[in-house]
Amino acid sequence: MLTVDRIKMVLAVLVLVAGIVGYYYLGETVLVVRVLVFLGALIVAAGIALTSAPGRAAWAFGRESLVELRKVVWPTRKETGQVTLVVVAMVIFVSLFLWFVDWILTYGVKVLTGQGA
């Protein structure tokens, strides 16, 4: 990363920290003002960060992620319900199976150790 980009990123972090400090410094002020101060600092910090190479790369990654997200084929409501029922049934089946295995092993250990049957 270039020195200029590092300076921009440090400046963005400092602006963000200043926004957080300002939020708490204005503790006696109306909440809306405090939130606006923080959001203003957040927007300025994001603007500064986006002028650096890492910021532009992060922005490009975000745009590409949205493009890929639009390509996803989402299941229908019916498919989602069916898959949910299958998962619930399998969870119940596996839990009963493991309970049964645990019960058999506990019984076997009690018999082997002479604690009764």
C-alpha atoms as a PDB file:
ATOM      1  CA  MET A   1       0.000   0.000   0.000  1.00  0.00           C
ATOM      2  CA  LEU A   2       1.314   3.416  -0.903  1.00  0.00           C
ATOM      3  CA  THR A   3       2.114   5.972   1.756  1.00  0.00           C
ATOM      4  CA  VAL A   4      -0.676   8.262   0.538  1.00  0.00           C
ATOM      5  CA  ASP A   5      -3.180   5.423   0.853  1.00  0.00           C
ATOM      6  CA  ARG A   6      -1.966   4.683   4.373  1.00  0.00           C
ATOM      7  CA  ILE A   7      -2.364   8.316   5.340  1.00  0.00           C
ATOM      8  CA  LYS A   8      -5.903   8.337   3.931  1.00  0.00           C
ATOM      9  CA  MET A   9      -6.838   5.191   5.836  1.00  0.00           C
ATOM     10  CA  VAL A  10      -5.367   6.523   9.101  1.00  0.00           C
ATOM     11  CA  LEU A  11      -7.235   9.785   8.542  1.00  0.00           C
ATOM     12  CA  ALA A  12     -10.477   7.871   7.930  1.00  0.00           C
ATOM     13  CA  VAL A  13      -9.997   5.918  11.160  1.00  0.00           C
ATOM     14  CA  LEU A  14      -9.246   9.126  13.063  1.00  0.00           C
ATOM     15  CA  VAL A  15     -12.407  10.770  11.701  1.00  0.00           C
ATOM     16  CA  LEU A  16     -14.414   7.712  12.731  1.00  0.00           C
ATOM     17  CA  VAL A  17     -12.883   7.773  16.211  1.00  0.00           C
ATOM     18  CA  ALA A  18     -13.650  11.504  16.412  1.00  0.00           C
ATOM     19  CA  GLY A  19     -17.274  10.704  15.560  1.00  0.00           C
ATOM     20  CA  ILE A  20     -17.446   8.113  18.334  1.00  0.00           C
ATOM     21  CA  VAL A  21     -15.828  10.508  20.808  1.00  0.00           C
ATOM     22  CA  GLY A  22     -18.214  13.255  19.697  1.00  0.00           C
ATOM     23  CA  TYR A  23     -21.173  10.940  20.255  1.00  0.00           C
ATOM     24  CA  TYR A  24     -20.152  10.352  23.863  1.00  0.00           C
ATOM     25  CA  TYR A  25     -18.934  13.922  24.425  1.00  0.00           C
ATOM     26  CA  LEU A  26     -22.401  15.185  23.556  1.00  0.00           C
ATOM     27  CA  GLY A  27     -23.941  12.852  26.126  1.00  0.00           C
ATOM     28  CA  GLU A  28     -26.236  15.548  27.527  1.00  0.00           C
ATOM     29  CA  THR A  29     -27.461  16.568  24.070  1.00  0.00           C
ATOM     30  CA  VAL A  30     -30.549  15.250  22.308  1.00  0.00           C
ATOM     31  CA  LEU A  31     -30.017  11.739  20.926  1.00  0.00           C
ATOM     32  CA  VAL A  32     -30.814  12.811  17.370  1.00  0.00           C
ATOM     33  CA  VAL A  33     -27.929  15.299  17.369  1.00  0.00           C
ATOM     34  CA  ARG A  34     -25.540  12.698  18.754  1.00  0.00           C
ATOM     35  CA  VAL A  35     -26.529  10.160  16.115  1.00  0.00           C
ATOM     36  CA  LEU A  36     -26.234  12.752  13.343  1.00  0.00           C
ATOM     37  CA  VAL A  37     -22.726  13.649  14.524  1.00  0.00           C
ATOM     38  CA  PHE A  38     -21.718   9.997  14.429  1.00  0.00           C
ATOM     39  CA  LEU A  39     -23.350   9.379  11.036  1.00  0.00           C
ATOM     40  CA  GLY A  40     -21.686  12.497   9.630  1.00  0.00           C
ATOM     41  CA  ALA A  41     -18.293  11.275  10.808  1.00  0.00           C
ATOM     42  CA  LEU A  42     -19.036   7.837   9.385  1.00  0.00           C
ATOM     43  CA  ILE A  43     -19.919   9.287   5.986  1.00  0.00           C
ATOM     44  CA  VAL A  44     -16.817  11.496   5.927  1.00  0.00           C
ATOM     45  CA  ALA A  45     -14.607   8.577   6.993  1.00  0.00           C
ATOM     46  CA  ALA A  46     -16.124   6.374   4.287  1.00  0.00           C
ATOM     47  CA  GLY A  47     -15.583   9.126   1.709  1.00  0.00           C
ATOM     48  CA  ILE A  48     -11.938   9.443   2.692  1.00  0.00           C
ATOM     49  CA  ALA A  49     -11.429   5.675   2.709  1.00  0.00           C
ATOM     50  CA  LEU A  50     -13.038   5.293  -0.733  1.00  0.00           C
ATOM     51  CA  THR A  51     -10.452   7.627  -2.253  1.00  0.00           C
ATOM     52  CA  SER A  52      -7.679   5.156  -1.399  1.00  0.00           C
ATOM     53  CA  ALA A  53      -6.786   2.050  -3.402  1.00  0.00           C
ATOM     54  CA  PRO A  54      -7.978  -0.391  -0.694  1.00  0.00           C
ATOM     55  CA  GLY A  55     -11.232   1.544  -0.389  1.00  0.00           C
ATOM     56  CA  ARG A  56     -11.854   1.420  -4.138  1.00  0.00           C
ATOM     57  CA  ALA A  57     -11.064  -2.308  -4.108  1.00  0.00           C
ATOM     58  CA  ALA A  58     -13.535  -2.883  -1.263  1.00  0.00           C
ATOM     59  CA  TRP A  59     -16.202  -0.889  -3.138  1.00  0.00           C
ATOM     60  CA  ALA A  60     -15.610  -2.932  -6.306  1.00  0.00           C
ATOM     61  CA  PHE A  61     -15.830  -6.160  -4.282  1.00  0.00           C
ATOM     62  CA  GLY A  62     -19.143  -5.032  -2.818  1.00  0.00           C
ATOM     63  CA  ARG A  63     -20.573  -4.239  -6.266  1.00  0.00           C
ATOM     64  CA  GLU A  64     -19.422  -7.595  -7.635  1.00  0.00           C
ATOM     65  CA  SER A  65     -20.978  -9.348  -4.640  1.00  0.00           C
ATOM     66  CA  LEU A  66     -24.323  -7.719  -5.388  1.00  0.00           C
ATOM     67  CA  VAL A  67     -24.094  -8.861  -9.019  1.00  0.00           C
ATOM     68  CA  GLU A  68     -23.447 -12.429  -7.878  1.00  0.00           C
ATOM     69  CA  LEU A  69     -26.251 -12.218  -5.321  1.00  0.00           C
ATOM     70  CA  ARG A  70     -28.705 -11.378  -8.109  1.00  0.00           C
ATOM     71  CA  LYS A  71     -27.682 -14.609  -9.860  1.00  0.00           C
ATOM     72  CA  VAL A  72     -28.701 -16.795  -6.914  1.00  0.00           C
ATOM     73  CA  VAL A  73     -31.770 -18.959  -7.486  1.00  0.00           C
ATOM     74  CA  TRP A  74     -33.727 -18.709  -4.258  1.00  0.00           C
ATOM     75  CA  PRO A  75     -35.992 -21.578  -3.188  1.00  0.00           C
ATOM     76  CA  THR A  76     -39.735 -21.131  -3.277  1.00  0.00           C
ATOM     77  CA  ARG A  77     -41.793 -20.953  -0.097  1.00  0.00           C
ATOM     78  CA  LYS A  78     -42.972 -24.531  -0.665  1.00  0.00           C
ATOM     79  CA  GLU A  79     -39.413 -25.841  -1.134  1.00  0.00           C
ATOM     80  CA  THR A  80     -38.262 -24.019   1.986  1.00  0.00           C
ATOM     81  CA  GLY A  81     -41.079 -25.543   4.029  1.00  0.00           C
ATOM     82  CA  GLN A  82     -40.363 -29.039   2.718  1.00  0.00           C
ATOM     83  CA  VAL A  83     -36.645 -28.804   3.439  1.00  0.00           C
ATOM     84  CA  THR A  84     -37.376 -27.444   6.915  1.00  0.00           C
ATOM     85  CA  LEU A  85     -39.656 -30.404   7.650  1.00  0.00           C
ATOM     86  CA  VAL A  86     -36.989 -32.853   6.425  1.00  0.00           C
ATOM     87  CA  VAL A  87     -34.383 -31.200   8.653  1.00  0.00           C
ATOM     88  CA  VAL A  88     -36.675 -31.278  11.696  1.00  0.00           C
ATOM     89  CA  ALA A  89     -37.525 -34.941  11.049  1.00  0.00           C
ATOM     90  CA  MET A  90     -33.842 -35.852  10.722  1.00  0.00           C
ATOM     91  CA  VAL A  91     -32.970 -33.990  13.923  1.00  0.00           C
ATOM     92  CA  ILE A  92     -35.676 -35.895  15.787  1.00  0.00           C
ATOM     93  CA  PHE A  93     -34.590 -39.213  14.267  1.00  0.00           C
ATOM     94  CA  VAL A  94     -30.895 -38.699  15.031  1.00  0.00           C
ATOM     95  CA  SER A  95     -31.618 -37.496  18.576  1.00  0.00           C
ATOM     96  CA  LEU A  96     -33.775 -40.576  19.259  1.00  0.00           C
ATOM     97  CA  PHE A  97     -31.116 -42.830  17.748  1.00  0.00           C
ATOM     98  CA  LEU A  98     -28.365 -41.276  19.872  1.00  0.00           C
ATOM     99  CA  TRP A  99     -30.575 -41.512  22.960  1.00  0.00           C
ATOM    100  CA  PHE A 100     -31.128 -45.205  22.234  1.00  0.00           C
ATOM    101  CA  VAL A 101     -27.385 -45.830  21.702  1.00  0.00           C
ATOM    102  CA  ASP A 102     -26.625 -43.964  24.930  1.00  0.00           C
ATOM    103  CA  TRP A 103     -29.229 -46.013  26.802  1.00  0.00           C
ATOM    104  CA  ILE A 104     -27.778 -49.307  25.460  1.00  0.00           C
ATOM    105  CA  LEU A 105     -24.216 -48.281  26.337  1.00  0.00           C
ATOM    106  CA  THR A 106     -25.253 -47.127  29.826  1.00  0.00           C
ATOM    107  CA  TYR A 107     -27.077 -50.412  30.398  1.00  0.00           C
ATOM    108  CA  GLY A 108     -24.055 -52.380  29.126  1.00  0.00           C
ATOM    109  CA  VAL A 109     -21.651 -50.497  31.407  1.00  0.00           C
ATOM    110  CA  LYS A 110     -23.930 -51.060  34.415  1.00  0.00           C
ATOM    111  CA  VAL A 111     -24.081 -54.788  33.649  1.00  0.00           C
ATOM    112  CA  LEU A 112     -20.301 -54.999  33.174  1.00  0.00           C
ATOM    113  CA  THR A 113     -19.567 -53.115  36.404  1.00  0.00           C
ATOM    114  CA  GLY A 114     -22.104 -55.089  38.402  1.00  0.00           C
ATOM    115  CA  GLN A 115     -24.336 -52.162  39.274  1.00  0.00           C
ATOM    116  CA  GLY A 116     -27.473 -54.085  38.412  1.00  0.00           C
ATOM    117  CA  ALA A 117     -29.704 -54.933  35.581  1.00  0.00           C
END
